[in-house]
């Protein structure tokens, strides 16, 4: 397929930040956009205004990120905006190109542009570079037809994604229900957590290199983002049956559990690792309890107000728990174990769905766009 320059079919208006003294948050002047932090699902939401805009977008322009790791992200201008250095406004030339087609084509090019961006730590592309991109040389009406077809396909993908996310949410609710039922349908006793849990304090020692480094996220167990520090022997063993959490992020749910089929590992000595006392607390049951609304309520009752305070074990130990007898915990734990493969299957499906938009766009534009 033949091609033309993007400059032949669209204006590229590079953003320019206005004088810093003209910024305000009082809705005085023109709404100002500096980057994707202000982007919504379709249209941006300004949080700053300026009385002296340097560069302006128009209604319908593609607001395109040209700097940083979000290079290539886009929104549509629903009004006139002042655009800062991190953005460009891309405006279809009348009779030359369809805006929706350009936007979809740019989404296809996003990964390519990010890889081509100048600067290893802060990639960016210039207006000249954008204007020199090779754009498919097809008529505006054909572009509209292609854009309409692609939008319909992407809308179906979005429906599938939402359905998978809803299934994940329901799986989480099912876990909570299993925990609640184990408490509601049997005899319970009240304890302080320090009475029924044991902290893992001892480091792994010289065998640290034999184990992967694990971390705790809001989604549970995950590989750690960083390798061991200067004293890796102090990293704590987190073997099957161990619950551990980031004491600086427990308030937002950074809690993990190493299950029977997970690879044993080690975690940062700054993390809190613990296990249920043998014959008293089933660790899997406790993990789901800790992530449930009951556990959230307990954690919040111990917090002192700071969002990033450290909740070490000695603080958690003061929390209270309504504990079912151990047999009831084990029965609930077996049901909870069945949730894991269910969640993994849904997550795999969701990952596949999330890859579909680029595959669809690559199929549509691959021959014309490197």
Protein backbone atom coordinates (compact mmCIF):
# COMPACT_ATOMS: atom_id res chain seq x y z
CA UNK A 1 0.00 0.00 0.00
CA UNK A 2 1.31 3.45 -0.88
CA UNK A 3 1.75 6.09 1.79
CA UNK A 4 1.96 9.82 2.37
CA UNK A 5 3.43 11.86 5.18
CA UNK A 6 1.28 12.43 8.25
CA UNK A 7 1.92 16.13 7.65
CA UNK A 8 0.07 15.81 4.33
CA UNK A 9 -3.16 14.75 6.03
CA UNK A 10 -2.96 16.34 9.51
CA UNK A 11 -1.66 19.36 11.39
CA UNK A 12 0.68 18.54 14.29
CA UNK A 13 0.62 21.29 16.93
CA UNK A 14 3.28 20.71 19.55
CA UNK A 15 2.42 21.86 23.06
CA UNK A 16 4.22 24.68 24.84
CA UNK A 17 3.87 25.37 28.55
CA UNK A 18 2.72 28.90 29.39
CA UNK A 19 4.53 31.15 31.84
CA UNK A 20 4.44 29.56 35.29
CA UNK A 21 3.05 32.71 36.85
CA UNK A 22 -0.17 32.36 34.83
CA UNK A 23 -1.16 28.96 36.27
CA UNK A 24 -4.14 28.76 38.61
CA UNK A 25 -6.60 26.22 40.04
CA UNK A 26 -9.50 28.67 40.21
CA UNK A 27 -10.96 27.95 36.74
CA UNK A 28 -9.77 31.32 35.52
CA UNK A 29 -8.82 31.43 31.84
CA UNK A 30 -8.23 28.41 29.58
CA UNK A 31 -8.08 24.83 30.92
CA UNK A 32 -4.49 23.56 30.77
CA UNK A 33 -3.33 20.02 30.05
CA UNK A 34 0.20 18.82 30.71
CA UNK A 35 -0.09 15.11 30.08
CA UNK A 36 -1.91 11.80 30.53
CA UNK A 37 -2.45 12.26 34.27
CA UNK A 38 -5.38 14.43 33.21
CA UNK A 39 -6.73 11.97 30.63
CA UNK A 40 -10.08 10.26 31.10
CA UNK A 41 -11.51 7.27 29.26
CA UNK A 42 -12.17 9.47 26.23
CA UNK A 43 -11.87 13.16 27.15
CA UNK A 44 -9.46 14.88 29.54
CA UNK A 45 -10.30 16.58 32.84
CA UNK A 46 -8.21 19.69 33.46
CA UNK A 47 -7.02 20.48 36.99
CA UNK A 48 -5.21 23.73 36.09
CA UNK A 49 -6.03 26.84 34.11
CA UNK A 50 -3.95 29.59 32.54
CA UNK A 51 -4.69 33.19 31.63
CA UNK A 52 -2.02 33.20 28.89
CA UNK A 53 -2.17 29.99 26.81
CA UNK A 54 0.77 29.49 24.46
CA UNK A 55 -0.62 26.66 22.29
CA UNK A 56 -4.27 25.70 21.92
CA UNK A 57 -6.14 22.61 20.77
CA UNK A 58 -9.55 22.67 19.10
CA UNK A 59 -12.62 20.52 19.66
CA UNK A 60 -12.05 17.11 18.06
CA UNK A 61 -8.24 17.26 18.08
CA UNK A 62 -6.34 14.14 19.11
CA UNK A 63 -4.41 15.02 22.27
CA UNK A 64 -1.28 12.92 21.94
CA UNK A 65 1.42 12.28 24.57
CA UNK A 66 4.89 12.93 23.15
CA UNK A 67 7.10 12.43 26.23
CA UNK A 68 7.85 9.82 28.89
CA UNK A 69 6.75 6.23 29.33
CA UNK A 70 3.20 7.19 28.39
CA UNK A 71 4.33 8.37 24.94
CA UNK A 72 1.57 7.44 22.50
CA UNK A 73 -1.39 7.67 24.86
CA UNK A 74 -4.22 9.79 23.55
CA UNK A 75 -7.51 11.55 24.37
CA UNK A 76 -9.94 13.62 22.33
CA UNK A 77 -10.33 17.36 23.00
CA UNK A 78 -13.98 18.07 23.85
CA UNK A 79 -13.21 21.81 24.08
CA UNK A 80 -10.31 24.16 23.49
CA UNK A 81 -7.36 23.44 25.81
CA UNK A 82 -3.99 25.03 26.46
CA UNK A 83 -1.51 22.18 25.86
CA UNK A 84 1.80 21.90 27.64
CA UNK A 85 5.13 20.47 26.49
CA UNK A 86 4.13 16.85 27.06
CA UNK A 87 1.36 16.91 24.48
CA UNK A 88 0.67 17.49 20.81
CA UNK A 89 -2.67 18.27 19.21
CA UNK A 90 -3.12 16.31 15.99
CA UNK A 91 -5.83 17.76 13.74
CA UNK A 92 -7.06 16.09 10.54
CA UNK A 93 -6.89 18.28 7.45
CA UNK A 94 -10.35 18.77 6.00
CA UNK A 95 -11.01 16.36 3.15
CA UNK A 96 -7.68 14.57 3.71
CA UNK A 97 -8.20 12.27 6.66
CA UNK A 98 -10.70 10.98 9.22
CA UNK A 99 -9.87 11.81 12.86
CA UNK A 100 -10.99 8.43 14.23
CA UNK A 101 -8.90 6.62 11.64
CA UNK A 102 -5.82 8.71 12.57
CA UNK A 103 -6.42 7.94 16.26
CA UNK A 104 -6.64 4.20 15.67
CA UNK A 105 -3.58 4.28 13.41
CA UNK A 106 -1.63 6.13 16.12
CA UNK A 107 -2.67 3.50 18.69
CA UNK A 108 -1.19 0.88 16.41
CA UNK A 109 2.01 2.95 16.17
CA UNK A 110 2.26 3.63 19.96
CA UNK A 111 4.73 0.83 20.81
CA UNK A 112 6.83 1.67 17.76
CA UNK A 113 6.96 5.34 18.75
CA UNK A 114 7.87 4.50 22.35
CA UNK A 115 10.76 2.35 21.17
CA UNK A 116 11.89 5.07 18.74
CA UNK A 117 11.66 7.91 21.25
CA UNK A 118 14.87 9.82 21.97
CA UNK A 119 16.26 9.45 25.50
CA UNK A 120 16.55 6.12 27.31
CA UNK A 121 15.03 7.27 30.60
CA UNK A 122 12.63 9.87 29.25
CA UNK A 123 11.72 9.07 25.64
CA UNK A 124 10.19 11.78 23.49
CA UNK A 125 9.33 12.48 19.86
CA UNK A 126 9.40 15.82 18.06
CA UNK A 127 6.78 17.44 15.87
CA UNK A 128 9.03 16.95 12.84
CA UNK A 129 9.29 13.25 13.60
CA UNK A 130 5.51 12.87 13.87
CA UNK A 131 4.94 14.78 10.66
CA UNK A 132 7.39 12.52 8.82
CA UNK A 133 5.55 9.30 9.73
CA UNK A 134 4.31 7.31 6.75
CA UNK A 135 0.50 7.36 6.73
CA UNK A 136 -1.70 5.03 4.60
CA UNK A 137 -2.61 6.72 1.33
CA UNK A 138 -6.32 5.89 1.16
CA UNK A 139 -9.33 8.14 0.76
CA UNK A 140 -11.18 9.73 3.63
CA UNK A 141 -14.37 7.74 3.02
CA UNK A 142 -12.46 4.44 3.04
CA UNK A 143 -10.77 5.57 6.26
CA UNK A 144 -14.20 6.17 7.84
CA UNK A 145 -15.35 2.69 6.84
CA UNK A 146 -12.23 1.08 8.30
CA UNK A 147 -12.50 3.14 11.48
CA UNK A 148 -16.15 2.16 11.94
CA UNK A 149 -15.31 -1.52 11.54
CA UNK A 150 -12.37 -1.33 13.94
CA UNK A 151 -14.40 0.58 16.54
CA UNK A 152 -17.07 -2.12 16.45
CA UNK A 153 -14.45 -4.86 16.90
CA UNK A 154 -12.74 -3.01 19.75
CA UNK A 155 -16.10 -2.40 21.44
CA UNK A 156 -16.69 -6.18 21.47
CA UNK A 157 -13.24 -6.70 22.96
CA UNK A 158 -14.05 -4.14 25.66
CA UNK A 159 -17.27 -6.01 26.50
CA UNK A 160 -15.29 -9.24 26.83
CA UNK A 161 -12.72 -7.50 29.06
CA UNK A 162 -15.44 -6.09 31.33
CA UNK A 163 -17.05 -9.54 31.59
CA UNK A 164 -13.72 -11.14 32.60
CA UNK A 165 -13.07 -8.41 35.16
CA UNK A 166 -16.56 -8.99 36.58
CA UNK A 167 -15.76 -12.71 36.89
CA UNK A 168 -12.59 -11.88 38.83
CA UNK A 169 -14.59 -9.62 41.13
CA UNK A 170 -17.14 -12.40 41.71
CA UNK A 171 -14.33 -14.84 42.53
CA UNK A 172 -13.14 -12.39 45.18
CA UNK A 173 -16.64 -12.10 46.59
CA UNK A 174 -16.91 -15.89 46.69
CA UNK A 175 -13.73 -16.03 48.77
CA UNK A 176 -15.19 -13.53 51.22
CA UNK A 177 -18.44 -15.53 51.39
CA UNK A 178 -16.57 -18.74 52.24
CA UNK A 179 -14.75 -16.97 55.08
CA UNK A 180 -17.96 -15.36 56.38
CA UNK A 181 -19.84 -18.67 56.31
CA UNK A 182 -17.11 -20.45 58.27
CA UNK A 183 -17.51 -17.85 61.01
CA UNK A 184 -21.29 -17.51 60.87
CA UNK A 185 -22.19 -21.20 60.81
CA UNK A 186 -20.16 -22.52 63.70
CA UNK A 187 -18.75 -21.86 67.11
CA UNK A 188 -16.09 -19.15 67.28
CA UNK A 189 -13.74 -17.82 69.92
CA UNK A 190 -12.26 -14.34 70.10
CA UNK A 191 -8.47 -13.96 70.16
CA UNK A 192 -5.81 -11.33 69.70
CA UNK A 193 -3.86 -12.09 66.53
CA UNK A 194 -0.63 -12.28 68.49
CA UNK A 195 -2.04 -15.28 70.38
CA UNK A 196 -2.73 -17.38 67.29
CA UNK A 197 -0.03 -16.32 64.82
CA UNK A 198 3.74 -16.83 64.76
CA UNK A 199 6.07 -14.31 63.13
CA UNK A 200 8.85 -15.53 60.85
CA UNK A 201 11.87 -13.55 62.07
CA UNK A 202 14.91 -15.62 61.13
CA UNK A 203 16.65 -14.87 57.83
CA UNK A 204 17.20 -17.59 55.23
CA UNK A 205 20.98 -17.60 55.70
CA UNK A 206 23.60 -18.70 53.18
CA UNK A 207 21.16 -20.59 50.95
CA UNK A 208 19.42 -17.35 49.84
CA UNK A 209 20.59 -17.69 46.22
CA UNK A 210 18.59 -20.91 45.82
CA UNK A 211 15.26 -19.10 46.07
CA UNK A 212 13.38 -16.49 44.05
CA UNK A 213 12.65 -13.15 45.67
CA UNK A 214 8.92 -12.71 46.19
CA UNK A 215 6.84 -9.63 46.88
CA UNK A 216 3.31 -8.76 48.01
CA UNK A 217 0.99 -6.69 45.82
CA UNK A 218 -2.67 -5.75 45.92
CA UNK A 219 -3.24 -8.80 43.70
CA UNK A 220 -1.32 -11.10 46.03
CA UNK A 221 1.90 -13.02 45.39
CA UNK A 222 4.28 -11.67 42.73
CA UNK A 223 7.99 -11.70 41.85
CA UNK A 224 9.84 -8.90 43.62
CA UNK A 225 10.75 -5.90 41.49
CA UNK A 226 14.25 -5.65 42.91
CA UNK A 227 17.02 -8.22 43.60
CA UNK A 228 18.26 -8.85 47.16
CA UNK A 229 20.10 -5.99 48.84
CA UNK A 230 23.49 -5.90 50.54
CA UNK A 231 22.63 -8.58 53.13
CA UNK A 232 20.62 -11.20 51.26
CA UNK A 233 21.10 -13.75 54.03
CA UNK A 234 18.71 -11.66 56.12
CA UNK A 235 15.87 -12.15 53.65
CA UNK A 236 13.03 -14.07 55.23
CA UNK A 237 11.95 -17.51 53.98
CA UNK A 238 8.41 -17.53 52.65
CA UNK A 239 7.57 -21.16 52.11
CA UNK A 240 4.14 -22.76 51.53
CA UNK A 241 1.80 -21.84 54.37
CA UNK A 242 3.35 -18.40 54.90
CA UNK A 243 1.43 -15.10 54.79
CA UNK A 244 3.50 -11.95 54.34
CA UNK A 245 2.89 -8.27 53.72
CA UNK A 246 4.55 -4.96 53.08
CA UNK A 247 4.18 -3.08 56.38
CA UNK A 248 4.17 0.25 54.51
CA UNK A 249 1.39 -0.83 52.13
CA UNK A 250 -0.83 -3.16 54.11
CA UNK A 251 -3.49 -0.44 54.24
CA UNK A 252 -3.94 -0.78 50.46
CA UNK A 253 -3.87 -4.58 50.49
CA UNK A 254 -0.27 -5.53 49.67
CA UNK A 255 -0.61 -8.98 51.23
CA UNK A 256 0.55 -12.33 49.83
CA UNK A 257 0.27 -16.03 50.58
CA UNK A 258 2.56 -18.84 49.44
CA UNK A 259 0.26 -21.75 48.66
CA UNK A 260 1.10 -25.44 48.42
CA UNK A 261 1.70 -25.29 44.66
CA UNK A 262 3.75 -22.08 44.74
CA UNK A 263 7.54 -22.05 44.52
CA UNK A 264 9.16 -21.40 47.93
CA UNK A 265 10.99 -18.10 48.06
CA UNK A 266 12.44 -15.33 50.15
CA UNK A 267 11.22 -11.82 50.80
CA UNK A 268 12.65 -8.54 52.06
CA UNK A 269 13.63 -8.43 55.74
CA UNK A 270 11.49 -5.28 55.90
CA UNK A 271 8.37 -7.36 55.20
CA UNK A 272 6.30 -9.03 57.91
CA UNK A 273 6.02 -12.80 57.45
CA UNK A 274 3.83 -15.02 59.62
CA UNK A 275 2.11 -18.37 59.91
CA UNK A 276 -0.87 -19.67 61.83
CA UNK A 277 -0.05 -21.66 64.97
CA UNK A 278 -0.23 -25.35 64.22
CA UNK A 279 -3.67 -26.79 64.89
CA UNK A 280 -5.05 -23.34 65.72
CA UNK A 281 -5.06 -21.26 62.52
CA UNK A 282 -5.05 -22.48 58.94
CA UNK A 283 -2.79 -20.02 57.12
CA UNK A 284 -4.74 -20.11 53.84
CA UNK A 285 -7.98 -19.36 55.69
CA UNK A 286 -6.26 -16.54 57.56
CA UNK A 287 -4.90 -15.04 54.34
CA UNK A 288 -8.37 -14.82 52.86
CA UNK A 289 -9.69 -13.47 56.16
CA UNK A 290 -6.99 -10.77 56.20
CA UNK A 291 -7.91 -9.69 52.65
CA UNK A 292 -11.65 -9.77 53.37
CA UNK A 293 -13.68 -6.84 54.74
CA UNK A 294 -13.22 -8.39 58.19
CA UNK A 295 -9.44 -8.20 57.88
CA UNK A 296 -9.62 -4.73 56.35
CA UNK A 297 -11.69 -3.54 59.30
CA UNK A 298 -9.16 -5.05 61.72
CA UNK A 299 -6.23 -3.37 59.94
CA UNK A 300 -7.99 0.00 59.88
CA UNK A 301 -8.80 -0.30 63.59
CA UNK A 302 -5.06 -0.57 64.29
CA UNK A 303 -4.00 2.25 61.97
CA UNK A 304 -3.08 5.63 63.39
CA UNK A 305 -4.11 7.73 60.43
CA UNK A 306 -0.97 7.94 58.28
CA UNK A 307 -1.41 6.40 54.84
CA UNK A 308 2.15 5.05 54.71
CA UNK A 309 2.71 4.14 58.32
CA UNK A 310 4.57 0.93 59.17
CA UNK A 311 2.40 -1.82 60.61
CA UNK A 312 4.85 -4.30 62.03
CA UNK A 313 3.81 -7.57 63.65
CA UNK A 314 3.72 -6.14 67.16
CA UNK A 315 0.97 -3.74 66.03
CA UNK A 316 -0.94 -6.36 64.07
CA UNK A 317 -0.77 -8.64 67.11
CA UNK A 318 -3.16 -6.31 68.96
CA UNK A 319 -5.92 -6.92 66.41
CA UNK A 320 -8.84 -9.18 67.30
CA UNK A 321 -10.28 -12.08 65.33
CA UNK A 322 -13.39 -14.24 65.63
CA UNK A 323 -11.83 -17.65 65.02
CA UNK A 324 -13.85 -20.72 63.96
CA UNK A 325 -12.66 -24.07 65.26
CA UNK A 326 -9.78 -25.56 63.30
CA UNK A 327 -11.92 -28.20 61.57
CA UNK A 328 -14.24 -25.50 60.18
CA UNK A 329 -11.20 -23.53 59.01
CA UNK A 330 -9.80 -26.57 57.19
CA UNK A 331 -13.09 -27.20 55.41
CA UNK A 332 -13.28 -23.56 54.32
CA UNK A 333 -9.59 -23.65 53.34
CA UNK A 334 -10.24 -26.55 50.95
CA UNK A 335 -12.99 -24.55 49.26
CA UNK A 336 -10.72 -21.50 49.09
CA UNK A 337 -7.96 -23.57 47.48
CA UNK A 338 -10.32 -24.31 44.57
CA UNK A 339 -10.62 -20.58 43.86
CA UNK A 340 -6.97 -20.29 42.81
CA UNK A 341 -7.15 -22.28 39.53
CA UNK A 342 -10.43 -20.51 38.77
CA UNK A 343 -8.78 -17.11 39.19
CA UNK A 344 -5.77 -18.16 37.14
CA UNK A 345 -7.98 -19.27 34.27
CA UNK A 346 -9.86 -15.95 34.34
CA UNK A 347 -6.62 -13.96 34.55
CA UNK A 348 -5.17 -15.88 31.58
CA UNK A 349 -8.32 -15.13 29.59
CA UNK A 350 -8.12 -11.47 30.61
CA UNK A 351 -4.48 -11.25 29.54
CA UNK A 352 -5.39 -12.72 26.17
CA UNK A 353 -8.25 -10.25 25.80
CA UNK A 354 -5.94 -7.34 26.63
CA UNK A 355 -3.68 -8.36 23.73
CA UNK A 356 -6.51 -8.37 21.22
CA UNK A 357 -6.69 -4.60 20.49
CA UNK A 358 -3.10 -4.48 19.24
CA UNK A 359 -3.62 -7.67 17.25
CA UNK A 360 -6.73 -6.20 15.62
CA UNK A 361 -4.95 -2.94 14.82
CA UNK A 362 -1.86 -4.77 13.55
CA UNK A 363 -4.04 -6.79 11.20
CA UNK A 364 -5.64 -3.62 9.89
CA UNK A 365 -2.50 -1.48 9.59
CA UNK A 366 0.37 -3.94 9.57
CA UNK A 367 0.98 -3.85 5.82
CA UNK A 368 1.11 -0.07 5.73
CA UNK A 369 2.88 0.65 9.04
CA UNK A 370 6.22 -0.80 10.12
